[in-house]
Amino acid sequence: MSQAEDFNARIVAEFRANHGQVGGNFAGARLLLLHTTGARTGRALVNPVMYLPDGDRYLVFASYAGADRHPAWYFNLLVHPDVEIEVGDDRIAVRAETLTGAERDEKFAEQAKLVPRFAEYEAKTTRVIPVVALTPR
């Protein structure tokens, strides 16, 4: 297991044990568990991801901490957009759609205002950080 996979596994276990709450760097953050299928491998994967509630949708941000490439889970959503998320103790079937244009910019700015770390991520990269709406099916 890679260091990143081990880190994610610990966060997932803590999330499930504490009804969606975790400590450490994510204390107080809105986290969900994103279930995807690997675009190349077909493997079932789970990633803890910060989200922003938006009506009945959950918005997630493919920031990858400001890296110059998108996280793997984003590519997985492009290939397999029908996924599940865990929010607290609930498991919800959702469809992923990447936001574009003014809506994308507005929602990213809203997240960056609430969580300034996202503004830092945006400043670290030249890529446009995707904002993905997860809408219950």
C-alpha atoms as a PDB file:
ATOM      1  CA  MET A   1       0.000   0.000   0.000  1.00  0.00           C
ATOM      2  CA  SER A   2       1.395   3.407  -0.946  1.00  0.00           C
ATOM      3  CA  GLN A   3       1.764   6.187   1.605  1.00  0.00           C
ATOM      4  CA  ALA A   4      -1.203   8.050   0.036  1.00  0.00           C
ATOM      5  CA  GLU A   5      -3.373   4.905   0.087  1.00  0.00           C
ATOM      6  CA  ASP A   6      -2.435   4.280   3.732  1.00  0.00           C
ATOM      7  CA  PHE A   7      -3.303   7.902   4.619  1.00  0.00           C
ATOM      8  CA  ASN A   8      -6.659   7.633   2.822  1.00  0.00           C
ATOM      9  CA  ALA A   9      -7.415   4.299   4.519  1.00  0.00           C
ATOM     10  CA  ARG A  10      -6.847   5.866   7.954  1.00  0.00           C
ATOM     11  CA  ILE A  11      -9.113   8.826   7.118  1.00  0.00           C
ATOM     12  CA  VAL A  12     -11.822   6.503   5.750  1.00  0.00           C
ATOM     13  CA  ALA A  13     -11.706   4.351   8.905  1.00  0.00           C
ATOM     14  CA  GLU A  14     -11.887   7.408  11.171  1.00  0.00           C
ATOM     15  CA  PHE A  15     -14.741   8.896   9.078  1.00  0.00           C
ATOM     16  CA  ARG A  16     -16.794   5.718   9.370  1.00  0.00           C
ATOM     17  CA  ALA A  17     -16.041   5.223  13.069  1.00  0.00           C
ATOM     18  CA  ASN A  18     -17.078   8.810  13.906  1.00  0.00           C
ATOM     19  CA  HIS A  19     -20.182   9.291  11.707  1.00  0.00           C
ATOM     20  CA  GLY A  20     -18.405  11.452   9.144  1.00  0.00           C
ATOM     21  CA  GLN A  21     -16.123  13.425  11.477  1.00  0.00           C
ATOM     22  CA  VAL A  22     -12.322  13.293  11.422  1.00  0.00           C
ATOM     23  CA  GLY A  23      -9.546  15.114  13.251  1.00  0.00           C
ATOM     24  CA  GLY A  24      -6.065  16.248  12.330  1.00  0.00           C
ATOM     25  CA  ASN A  25      -5.748  18.431   9.234  1.00  0.00           C
ATOM     26  CA  PHE A  26      -9.406  17.784   8.432  1.00  0.00           C
ATOM     27  CA  ALA A  27     -10.875  18.650  11.855  1.00  0.00           C
ATOM     28  CA  GLY A  28     -14.084  20.611  11.278  1.00  0.00           C
ATOM     29  CA  ALA A  29     -13.931  20.160   7.493  1.00  0.00           C
ATOM     30  CA  ARG A  30     -16.884  18.943   5.459  1.00  0.00           C
ATOM     31  CA  LEU A  31     -15.724  15.583   4.171  1.00  0.00           C
ATOM     32  CA  LEU A  32     -17.426  12.933   2.127  1.00  0.00           C
ATOM     33  CA  LEU A  33     -16.186   9.587   0.920  1.00  0.00           C
ATOM     34  CA  LEU A  34     -16.181   9.363  -2.859  1.00  0.00           C
ATOM     35  CA  HIS A  35     -16.538   5.851  -4.293  1.00  0.00           C
ATOM     36  CA  THR A  36     -15.174   5.577  -7.833  1.00  0.00           C
ATOM     37  CA  THR A  37     -14.149   2.896 -10.279  1.00  0.00           C
ATOM     38  CA  GLY A  38     -10.613   3.175 -11.636  1.00  0.00           C
ATOM     39  CA  ALA A  39     -10.711   4.448 -15.223  1.00  0.00           C
ATOM     40  CA  ARG A  40      -7.837   2.141 -16.254  1.00  0.00           C
ATOM     41  CA  THR A  41      -7.886  -0.572 -13.598  1.00  0.00           C
ATOM     42  CA  GLY A  42     -11.596  -1.061 -12.963  1.00  0.00           C
ATOM     43  CA  ARG A  43     -10.721  -1.220  -9.246  1.00  0.00           C
ATOM     44  CA  ALA A  44     -13.191   0.036  -6.643  1.00  0.00           C
ATOM     45  CA  LEU A  45     -11.660   3.049  -4.881  1.00  0.00           C
ATOM     46  CA  VAL A  46     -12.650   5.315  -1.992  1.00  0.00           C
ATOM     47  CA  ASN A  47     -11.259   8.819  -1.497  1.00  0.00           C
ATOM     48  CA  PRO A  48     -12.006  11.283   1.299  1.00  0.00           C
ATOM     49  CA  VAL A  49     -12.805  14.615  -0.355  1.00  0.00           C
ATOM     50  CA  MET A  50     -13.805  18.016   1.009  1.00  0.00           C
ATOM     51  CA  TYR A  51     -17.150  19.223  -0.273  1.00  0.00           C
ATOM     52  CA  LEU A  52     -19.418  22.246  -0.400  1.00  0.00           C
ATOM     53  CA  PRO A  53     -23.181  21.687  -0.064  1.00  0.00           C
ATOM     54  CA  ASP A  54     -25.104  23.329  -2.913  1.00  0.00           C
ATOM     55  CA  GLY A  55     -28.844  22.729  -2.648  1.00  0.00           C
ATOM     56  CA  ASP A  56     -29.287  18.994  -3.178  1.00  0.00           C
ATOM     57  CA  ARG A  57     -25.831  18.728  -4.788  1.00  0.00           C
ATOM     58  CA  TYR A  58     -22.424  18.125  -3.255  1.00  0.00           C
ATOM     59  CA  LEU A  59     -19.594  20.080  -4.908  1.00  0.00           C
ATOM     60  CA  VAL A  60     -16.089  18.620  -4.852  1.00  0.00           C
ATOM     61  CA  PHE A  61     -12.895  20.275  -6.007  1.00  0.00           C
ATOM     62  CA  ALA A  62     -10.157  18.440  -7.913  1.00  0.00           C
ATOM     63  CA  SER A  63      -7.436  20.599  -6.371  1.00  0.00           C
ATOM     64  CA  TYR A  64      -4.852  17.869  -5.692  1.00  0.00           C
ATOM     65  CA  ALA A  65      -3.351  20.372  -3.209  1.00  0.00           C
ATOM     66  CA  GLY A  66      -2.366  22.656  -6.106  1.00  0.00           C
ATOM     67  CA  ALA A  67      -0.439  20.032  -8.099  1.00  0.00           C
ATOM     68  CA  ASP A  68      -0.105  20.606 -11.836  1.00  0.00           C
ATOM     69  CA  ARG A  69      -2.283  17.607 -12.663  1.00  0.00           C
ATOM     70  CA  HIS A  70      -5.768  16.464 -11.756  1.00  0.00           C
ATOM     71  CA  PRO A  71      -6.226  13.800  -9.072  1.00  0.00           C
ATOM     72  CA  ALA A  72      -6.944  10.267 -10.295  1.00  0.00           C
ATOM     73  CA  TRP A  73     -10.456  10.337  -8.833  1.00  0.00           C
ATOM     74  CA  TYR A  74     -11.364  13.156 -11.253  1.00  0.00           C
ATOM     75  CA  PHE A  75     -10.409  11.053 -14.295  1.00  0.00           C
ATOM     76  CA  ASN A  76     -12.355   8.153 -12.799  1.00  0.00           C
ATOM     77  CA  LEU A  77     -15.470  10.360 -12.624  1.00  0.00           C
ATOM     78  CA  LEU A  78     -15.073  11.381 -16.271  1.00  0.00           C
ATOM     79  CA  VAL A  79     -15.133   7.721 -17.331  1.00  0.00           C
ATOM     80  CA  HIS A  80     -17.627   6.461 -14.723  1.00  0.00           C
ATOM     81  CA  PRO A  81     -19.853   9.410 -13.641  1.00  0.00           C
ATOM     82  CA  ASP A  82     -22.443   7.313 -11.780  1.00  0.00           C
ATOM     83  CA  VAL A  83     -20.922   6.767  -8.352  1.00  0.00           C
ATOM     84  CA  GLU A  84     -21.743   6.681  -4.669  1.00  0.00           C
ATOM     85  CA  ILE A  85     -20.742   8.939  -1.806  1.00  0.00           C
ATOM     86  CA  GLU A  86     -20.871   8.600   1.944  1.00  0.00           C
ATOM     87  CA  VAL A  87     -21.945  11.694   3.856  1.00  0.00           C
ATOM     88  CA  GLY A  88     -22.018  11.088   7.598  1.00  0.00           C
ATOM     89  CA  ASP A  89     -23.689   7.697   7.946  1.00  0.00           C
ATOM     90  CA  ASP A  90     -25.597   7.974   4.653  1.00  0.00           C
ATOM     91  CA  ARG A  91     -24.606   6.335   1.379  1.00  0.00           C
ATOM     92  CA  ILE A  92     -25.999   8.182  -1.645  1.00  0.00           C
ATOM     93  CA  ALA A  93     -26.014   7.305  -5.367  1.00  0.00           C
ATOM     94  CA  VAL A  94     -24.954  10.385  -7.375  1.00  0.00           C
ATOM     95  CA  ARG A  95     -24.076  11.457 -10.900  1.00  0.00           C
ATOM     96  CA  ALA A  96     -20.949  13.559 -11.414  1.00  0.00           C
ATOM     97  CA  GLU A  97     -20.855  16.555 -13.749  1.00  0.00           C
ATOM     98  CA  THR A  98     -17.974  19.004 -14.147  1.00  0.00           C
ATOM     99  CA  LEU A  99     -19.095  22.622 -13.834  1.00  0.00           C
ATOM    100  CA  THR A 100     -17.881  25.144 -16.411  1.00  0.00           C
ATOM    101  CA  GLY A 101     -17.685  28.869 -17.004  1.00  0.00           C
ATOM    102  CA  ALA A 102     -19.175  31.361 -14.586  1.00  0.00           C
ATOM    103  CA  GLU A 103     -20.843  28.680 -12.461  1.00  0.00           C
ATOM    104  CA  ARG A 104     -17.509  26.905 -11.945  1.00  0.00           C
ATOM    105  CA  ASP A 105     -15.747  30.170 -11.103  1.00  0.00           C
ATOM    106  CA  GLU A 106     -18.480  31.252  -8.661  1.00  0.00           C
ATOM    107  CA  LYS A 107     -18.527  27.921  -6.804  1.00  0.00           C
ATOM    108  CA  PHE A 108     -14.734  27.718  -6.581  1.00  0.00           C
ATOM    109  CA  ALA A 109     -14.587  31.276  -5.222  1.00  0.00           C
ATOM    110  CA  GLU A 110     -17.230  30.376  -2.637  1.00  0.00           C
ATOM    111  CA  GLN A 111     -15.159  27.380  -1.468  1.00  0.00           C
ATOM    112  CA  ALA A 112     -11.942  29.436  -1.413  1.00  0.00           C
ATOM    113  CA  LYS A 113     -13.631  32.044   0.759  1.00  0.00           C
ATOM    114  CA  LEU A 114     -14.824  29.380   3.226  1.00  0.00           C
ATOM    115  CA  VAL A 115     -11.565  27.400   3.114  1.00  0.00           C
ATOM    116  CA  PRO A 116      -8.677  29.756   2.180  1.00  0.00           C
ATOM    117  CA  ARG A 117      -6.414  26.768   1.524  1.00  0.00           C
ATOM    118  CA  PHE A 118      -8.252  26.372  -1.815  1.00  0.00           C
ATOM    119  CA  ALA A 119      -7.132  29.857  -2.901  1.00  0.00           C
ATOM    120  CA  GLU A 120      -3.572  28.754  -2.091  1.00  0.00           C
ATOM    121  CA  TYR A 121      -4.010  25.618  -4.203  1.00  0.00           C
ATOM    122  CA  GLU A 122      -5.288  27.699  -7.115  1.00  0.00           C
ATOM    123  CA  ALA A 123      -2.295  30.053  -6.838  1.00  0.00           C
ATOM    124  CA  LYS A 124       0.150  27.104  -6.977  1.00  0.00           C
ATOM    125  CA  THR A 125      -0.978  25.803 -10.377  1.00  0.00           C
ATOM    126  CA  THR A 126      -1.635  27.068 -13.888  1.00  0.00           C
ATOM    127  CA  ARG A 127      -4.425  24.553 -14.490  1.00  0.00           C
ATOM    128  CA  VAL A 128      -8.067  25.351 -13.873  1.00  0.00           C
ATOM    129  CA  ILE A 129      -9.103  23.273 -10.857  1.00  0.00           C
ATOM    130  CA  PRO A 130     -12.242  21.345 -11.788  1.00  0.00           C
ATOM    131  CA  VAL A 131     -15.387  21.736  -9.706  1.00  0.00           C
ATOM    132  CA  VAL A 132     -17.604  18.658  -9.868  1.00  0.00           C
ATOM    133  CA  ALA A 133     -21.282  18.606  -8.898  1.00  0.00           C
ATOM    134  CA  LEU A 134     -22.447  15.319  -7.418  1.00  0.00           C
ATOM    135  CA  THR A 135     -26.219  15.204  -7.829  1.00  0.00           C
ATOM    136  CA  PRO A 136     -28.325  12.484  -6.167  1.00  0.00           C
ATOM    137  CA  ARG A 137     -29.829  10.028  -8.666  1.00  0.00           C
END
